[in-house]
Amino acid sequence: MVQQTTDQHEAGEESSQSQEMKDVERKVRRMLMSSVLVMVFGILAVLGVLIYKSVSNNESVGTGQVVGGAIVNQLKPGETIRSMMIENSTVYLLVDGKGMTSVLEMNKKSGFVTRRIEFIPQAD
């Protein structure tokens, strides 16, 4: 014969835990479920951001070529592009030509110049 210890219970038998232990067990289960839900929500949020960024910043090579063609049409004779910076939907060009430097601000999608700032050199 096998004796049953106090920790082992048959399938239908009531648990002999005190009420305080049952309360602690319920609180631990509730904390576990809320922790799992917060973790799942965080993972879904990160995945959502990654998917959004991959879809919203998806640009084709053709768009860059169209803007490149528009840039050439906006330059004055003798001007050359020294550097370019792209920020959100705006393209900034640093242009040298005929004794002065200019900054062109262009709309990335349309390729049109929205602003031109010319820096006149100071005499020494």
Foldseek 3Di string as FASTA:
>chain_A
DDDDDLVDDDDPDDRPDDPVVVVVVVVVVVVVVVVVVVVVVVVVVVVVVVVVVCVVPDDDPVLVVQLVVLVVVPDDPAKDWPDWDDDDQWIWTWIDGDQWIKIFIAGSRNNDTPDIGIDHDDDD
